[in-house]
Amino acid sequence: MSYVAKKCGIQLQPPSIVLIYEDQVKKNLRKRIMPVRNFTKFSDCSRVAEQLKNNPRHKTYLEGVSLEQLKKLHHLLRCHLQGQTLSQSLKQVEQNETVDPEEDLNKLNDEELAQKKRIMDELFEKNRKRKEDPGFIYNVEVEFPQDKELEACEWDTDTEDEF
């Protein structure tokens, strides 16, 4: 059977993933509620999302849903179980899915750094221009305004001492 995911969301009570999908054979919209069992405020969202996506009962329905979206939805459920409001949960999930340009990535552990790199890769791919894209220009030259005087740095000054 062939199913096309249209919308995916959560139900807070009981904790569940809700999928609106189209049955390609019958051409009608259906709703599937997938309960998230044994899920606590300490659960690993990545692991639970992978288990749900690979579950034989739900696998055919969730083919069109990305693993990242399932992780975000499980994170929202976990935040709710921790006592946060929906707006607080959404703010935290959005904060986890963005990269602050002022953040020092050298201070992150391996897992957090891998997540930030994944976010940057996704943003790069989303903004990437390919030859096939409309409006593609091969050689783009941009001149930046020089309103301020450039700061001098020690490392880029010419020195008399050469190795």
C-alpha atoms as a PDB file:
ATOM      1  CA  MET A   1       0.000   0.000   0.000  1.00  0.00           C
ATOM      2  CA  SER A   2       1.092   3.544  -0.604  1.00  0.00           C
ATOM      3  CA  TYR A   3       0.573   6.391   1.835  1.00  0.00           C
ATOM      4  CA  VAL A   4       1.561  10.055   1.538  1.00  0.00           C
ATOM      5  CA  ALA A   5       2.040  12.000   4.779  1.00  0.00           C
ATOM      6  CA  LYS A   6       0.248  15.354   4.737  1.00  0.00           C
ATOM      7  CA  LYS A   7       0.597  16.603   8.323  1.00  0.00           C
ATOM      8  CA  CYS A   8       2.315  15.323  11.423  1.00  0.00           C
ATOM      9  CA  GLY A   9       1.783  16.591  14.959  1.00  0.00           C
ATOM     10  CA  ILE A  10       1.402  15.625  18.589  1.00  0.00           C
ATOM     11  CA  GLN A  11      -1.391  14.929  21.034  1.00  0.00           C
ATOM     12  CA  LEU A  12      -0.464  15.777  24.616  1.00  0.00           C
ATOM     13  CA  GLN A  13      -2.949  13.555  26.481  1.00  0.00           C
ATOM     14  CA  PRO A  14      -2.142  10.698  26.106  1.00  0.00           C
ATOM     15  CA  PRO A  15       1.283  11.384  24.554  1.00  0.00           C
ATOM     16  CA  SER A  16       0.921  10.444  20.893  1.00  0.00           C
ATOM     17  CA  ILE A  17       2.128  11.267  17.412  1.00  0.00           C
ATOM     18  CA  VAL A  18      -0.752  12.145  15.077  1.00  0.00           C
ATOM     19  CA  LEU A  19      -0.352  11.649  11.336  1.00  0.00           C
ATOM     20  CA  ILE A  20      -2.727  12.890   8.650  1.00  0.00           C
ATOM     21  CA  TYR A  21      -2.022  10.908   5.482  1.00  0.00           C
ATOM     22  CA  GLU A  22      -3.546  10.225   2.094  1.00  0.00           C
ATOM     23  CA  ASP A  23      -4.252   6.684   1.016  1.00  0.00           C
ATOM     24  CA  GLN A  24      -3.054   6.583  -2.609  1.00  0.00           C
ATOM     25  CA  VAL A  25      -5.358   3.672  -3.504  1.00  0.00           C
ATOM     26  CA  LYS A  26      -8.624   5.042  -2.090  1.00  0.00           C
ATOM     27  CA  LYS A  27      -7.634   8.733  -2.538  1.00  0.00           C
ATOM     28  CA  ASN A  28      -8.942   9.793   0.853  1.00  0.00           C
ATOM     29  CA  LEU A  29      -7.413  11.443   3.923  1.00  0.00           C
ATOM     30  CA  ARG A  30      -6.995   9.376   7.065  1.00  0.00           C
ATOM     31  CA  LYS A  31      -5.801  10.086  10.582  1.00  0.00           C
ATOM     32  CA  ARG A  32      -3.475   7.740  12.459  1.00  0.00           C
ATOM     33  CA  ILE A  33      -2.723   8.148  16.161  1.00  0.00           C
ATOM     34  CA  MET A  34       0.467   6.427  17.303  1.00  0.00           C
ATOM     35  CA  PRO A  35       0.755   6.325  21.106  1.00  0.00           C
ATOM     36  CA  VAL A  36       4.199   6.938  22.555  1.00  0.00           C
ATOM     37  CA  ARG A  37       4.434   4.317  25.279  1.00  0.00           C
ATOM     38  CA  ASN A  38       6.883   4.304  28.205  1.00  0.00           C
ATOM     39  CA  PHE A  39       7.918   7.880  27.373  1.00  0.00           C
ATOM     40  CA  THR A  40       9.079   9.967  30.336  1.00  0.00           C
ATOM     41  CA  LYS A  41      10.598  13.391  30.853  1.00  0.00           C
ATOM     42  CA  PHE A  42      14.008  11.676  30.882  1.00  0.00           C
ATOM     43  CA  SER A  43      13.602   9.719  27.617  1.00  0.00           C
ATOM     44  CA  ASP A  44      16.047  10.067  24.722  1.00  0.00           C
ATOM     45  CA  CYS A  45      14.016  11.733  21.945  1.00  0.00           C
ATOM     46  CA  SER A  46      16.349  10.569  19.167  1.00  0.00           C
ATOM     47  CA  ARG A  47      16.182   6.928  20.168  1.00  0.00           C
ATOM     48  CA  VAL A  48      12.396   6.947  20.642  1.00  0.00           C
ATOM     49  CA  ALA A  49      11.876   8.687  17.281  1.00  0.00           C
ATOM     50  CA  GLU A  50      14.047   6.078  15.521  1.00  0.00           C
ATOM     51  CA  GLN A  51      12.150   3.258  17.204  1.00  0.00           C
ATOM     52  CA  LEU A  52       8.813   4.714  16.089  1.00  0.00           C
ATOM     53  CA  LYS A  53      10.005   5.251  12.522  1.00  0.00           C
ATOM     54  CA  ASN A  54      11.328   1.662  12.321  1.00  0.00           C
ATOM     55  CA  ASN A  55       8.321   0.085  14.046  1.00  0.00           C
ATOM     56  CA  PRO A  56       6.776  -2.424  11.600  1.00  0.00           C
ATOM     57  CA  ARG A  57       3.240  -1.241  12.462  1.00  0.00           C
ATOM     58  CA  HIS A  58       3.979   2.390  11.550  1.00  0.00           C
ATOM     59  CA  LYS A  59       6.863   2.142   9.080  1.00  0.00           C
ATOM     60  CA  THR A  60       4.805   2.377   5.875  1.00  0.00           C
ATOM     61  CA  TYR A  61       2.876   5.373   7.184  1.00  0.00           C
ATOM     62  CA  LEU A  62       5.971   7.289   8.352  1.00  0.00           C
ATOM     63  CA  GLU A  63       8.059   6.927   5.177  1.00  0.00           C
ATOM     64  CA  GLY A  64       7.253  10.511   4.167  1.00  0.00           C
ATOM     65  CA  VAL A  65       8.056  11.963   7.599  1.00  0.00           C
ATOM     66  CA  SER A  66      11.661  12.875   8.307  1.00  0.00           C
ATOM     67  CA  LEU A  67      13.420  11.555  11.369  1.00  0.00           C
ATOM     68  CA  GLU A  68      14.284  15.133  12.352  1.00  0.00           C
ATOM     69  CA  GLN A  69      10.603  16.088  12.470  1.00  0.00           C
ATOM     70  CA  LEU A  70       9.837  13.080  14.651  1.00  0.00           C
ATOM     71  CA  LYS A  71      12.681  14.066  16.991  1.00  0.00           C
ATOM     72  CA  LYS A  72      11.252  17.591  17.295  1.00  0.00           C
ATOM     73  CA  LEU A  73       7.784  16.250  18.052  1.00  0.00           C
ATOM     74  CA  HIS A  74       9.152  13.907  20.730  1.00  0.00           C
ATOM     75  CA  HIS A  75      11.123  16.813  22.180  1.00  0.00           C
ATOM     76  CA  LEU A  76       7.870  18.805  22.444  1.00  0.00           C
ATOM     77  CA  LEU A  77       6.244  15.880  24.255  1.00  0.00           C
ATOM     78  CA  ARG A  78       9.191  15.606  26.638  1.00  0.00           C
ATOM     79  CA  CYS A  79       9.074  19.337  27.424  1.00  0.00           C
ATOM     80  CA  HIS A  80       5.352  19.021  28.174  1.00  0.00           C
ATOM     81  CA  LEU A  81       6.047  16.131  30.552  1.00  0.00           C
ATOM     82  CA  GLN A  82       8.648  18.319  32.276  1.00  0.00           C
ATOM     83  CA  GLY A  83       5.905  20.844  33.039  1.00  0.00           C
ATOM     84  CA  GLN A  84       6.601  23.464  30.388  1.00  0.00           C
ATOM     85  CA  THR A  85       3.829  25.240  28.531  1.00  0.00           C
ATOM     86  CA  LEU A  86       3.434  24.705  24.808  1.00  0.00           C
ATOM     87  CA  SER A  87       4.889  28.140  23.991  1.00  0.00           C
ATOM     88  CA  GLN A  88       7.909  27.485  26.224  1.00  0.00           C
ATOM     89  CA  SER A  89       8.384  24.090  24.598  1.00  0.00           C
ATOM     90  CA  LEU A  90       8.189  25.543  21.082  1.00  0.00           C
ATOM     91  CA  LYS A  91      10.693  28.252  22.032  1.00  0.00           C
ATOM     92  CA  GLN A  92      13.124  25.654  23.405  1.00  0.00           C
ATOM     93  CA  VAL A  93      12.812  23.428  20.319  1.00  0.00           C
ATOM     94  CA  GLU A  94      13.385  26.443  18.055  1.00  0.00           C
ATOM     95  CA  GLN A  95      16.414  27.451  20.128  1.00  0.00           C
ATOM     96  CA  ASN A  96      17.824  23.914  19.784  1.00  0.00           C
ATOM     97  CA  GLU A  97      17.343  24.070  15.999  1.00  0.00           C
ATOM     98  CA  THR A  98      19.198  27.365  15.417  1.00  0.00           C
ATOM     99  CA  VAL A  99      22.841  28.321  15.606  1.00  0.00           C
ATOM    100  CA  ASP A 100      23.756  31.505  17.430  1.00  0.00           C
ATOM    101  CA  PRO A 101      26.591  33.209  15.511  1.00  0.00           C
ATOM    102  CA  GLU A 102      28.044  34.496  18.788  1.00  0.00           C
ATOM    103  CA  GLU A 103      28.106  31.038  20.418  1.00  0.00           C
ATOM    104  CA  ASP A 104      31.545  29.518  20.967  1.00  0.00           C
ATOM    105  CA  LEU A 105      31.267  26.075  19.376  1.00  0.00           C
ATOM    106  CA  ASN A 106      34.625  25.045  20.875  1.00  0.00           C
ATOM    107  CA  LYS A 107      32.937  24.759  24.278  1.00  0.00           C
ATOM    108  CA  LEU A 108      30.334  22.197  23.147  1.00  0.00           C
ATOM    109  CA  ASN A 109      30.560  18.464  23.674  1.00  0.00           C
ATOM    110  CA  ASP A 110      30.719  16.098  20.682  1.00  0.00           C
ATOM    111  CA  GLU A 111      26.967  15.421  20.561  1.00  0.00           C
ATOM    112  CA  GLU A 112      25.985  19.114  20.728  1.00  0.00           C
ATOM    113  CA  LEU A 113      28.622  20.007  18.133  1.00  0.00           C
ATOM    114  CA  ALA A 114      27.350  17.320  15.764  1.00  0.00           C
ATOM    115  CA  GLN A 115      23.820  18.711  16.132  1.00  0.00           C
ATOM    116  CA  LYS A 116      24.983  22.275  15.383  1.00  0.00           C
ATOM    117  CA  LYS A 117      26.891  21.023  12.314  1.00  0.00           C
ATOM    118  CA  ARG A 118      23.778  19.187  11.122  1.00  0.00           C
ATOM    119  CA  ILE A 119      21.746  22.387  11.480  1.00  0.00           C
ATOM    120  CA  MET A 120      24.346  24.375   9.542  1.00  0.00           C
ATOM    121  CA  ASP A 121      24.470  21.713   6.798  1.00  0.00           C
ATOM    122  CA  GLU A 122      20.675  21.790   6.452  1.00  0.00           C
ATOM    123  CA  LEU A 123      20.687  25.591   6.233  1.00  0.00           C
ATOM    124  CA  PHE A 124      23.470  25.478   3.633  1.00  0.00           C
ATOM    125  CA  GLU A 125      21.588  22.950   1.483  1.00  0.00           C
ATOM    126  CA  LYS A 126      18.395  24.970   1.767  1.00  0.00           C
ATOM    127  CA  ASN A 127      20.110  28.176   0.582  1.00  0.00           C
ATOM    128  CA  ARG A 128      22.402  26.541  -1.957  1.00  0.00           C
ATOM    129  CA  LYS A 129      22.075  27.640  -5.587  1.00  0.00           C
ATOM    130  CA  ARG A 130      22.567  24.959  -8.221  1.00  0.00           C
ATOM    131  CA  LYS A 131      23.094  25.315 -11.956  1.00  0.00           C
ATOM    132  CA  GLU A 132      19.574  23.996 -12.534  1.00  0.00           C
ATOM    133  CA  ASP A 133      17.947  26.621 -10.282  1.00  0.00           C
ATOM    134  CA  PRO A 134      16.198  29.579 -11.900  1.00  0.00           C
ATOM    135  CA  GLY A 135      18.142  32.797 -11.410  1.00  0.00           C
ATOM    136  CA  PHE A 136      21.479  30.992 -11.103  1.00  0.00           C
ATOM    137  CA  ILE A 137      24.438  33.274 -11.828  1.00  0.00           C
ATOM    138  CA  TYR A 138      27.846  31.653 -12.295  1.00  0.00           C
ATOM    139  CA  ASN A 139      30.147  34.467 -11.221  1.00  0.00           C
ATOM    140  CA  VAL A 140      28.652  36.848  -8.662  1.00  0.00           C
ATOM    141  CA  GLU A 141      30.751  39.832  -7.667  1.00  0.00           C
ATOM    142  CA  VAL A 142      29.679  41.879  -4.673  1.00  0.00           C
ATOM    143  CA  GLU A 143      31.263  45.083  -3.444  1.00  0.00           C
ATOM    144  CA  PHE A 144      30.838  45.758   0.234  1.00  0.00           C
ATOM    145  CA  PRO A 145      30.537  49.352   1.429  1.00  0.00           C
ATOM    146  CA  GLN A 146      33.597  50.800   3.122  1.00  0.00           C
ATOM    147  CA  ASP A 147      31.818  53.184   5.502  1.00  0.00           C
ATOM    148  CA  LYS A 148      34.190  52.486   8.366  1.00  0.00           C
ATOM    149  CA  GLU A 149      37.931  52.501   8.468  1.00  0.00           C
ATOM    150  CA  LEU A 150      39.349  48.989   8.423  1.00  0.00           C
ATOM    151  CA  GLU A 151      40.879  47.717  11.623  1.00  0.00           C
ATOM    152  CA  ALA A 152      44.502  46.662  11.489  1.00  0.00           C
ATOM    153  CA  CYS A 153      45.424  43.267  12.905  1.00  0.00           C
ATOM    154  CA  GLU A 154      48.853  42.119  13.991  1.00  0.00           C
ATOM    155  CA  TRP A 155      48.767  38.894  12.036  1.00  0.00           C
ATOM    156  CA  ASP A 156      48.132  40.463   8.634  1.00  0.00           C
ATOM    157  CA  THR A 157      50.788  43.150   8.681  1.00  0.00           C
ATOM    158  CA  ASP A 158      53.885  42.683   6.592  1.00  0.00           C
ATOM    159  CA  THR A 159      57.045  42.123   8.559  1.00  0.00           C
ATOM    160  CA  GLU A 160      60.640  42.409   7.572  1.00  0.00           C
ATOM    161  CA  ASP A 161      61.479  39.083   9.163  1.00  0.00           C
ATOM    162  CA  GLU A 162      60.871  36.252   6.760  1.00  0.00           C
ATOM    163  CA  PHE A 163      61.641  32.666   7.469  1.00  0.00           C
END
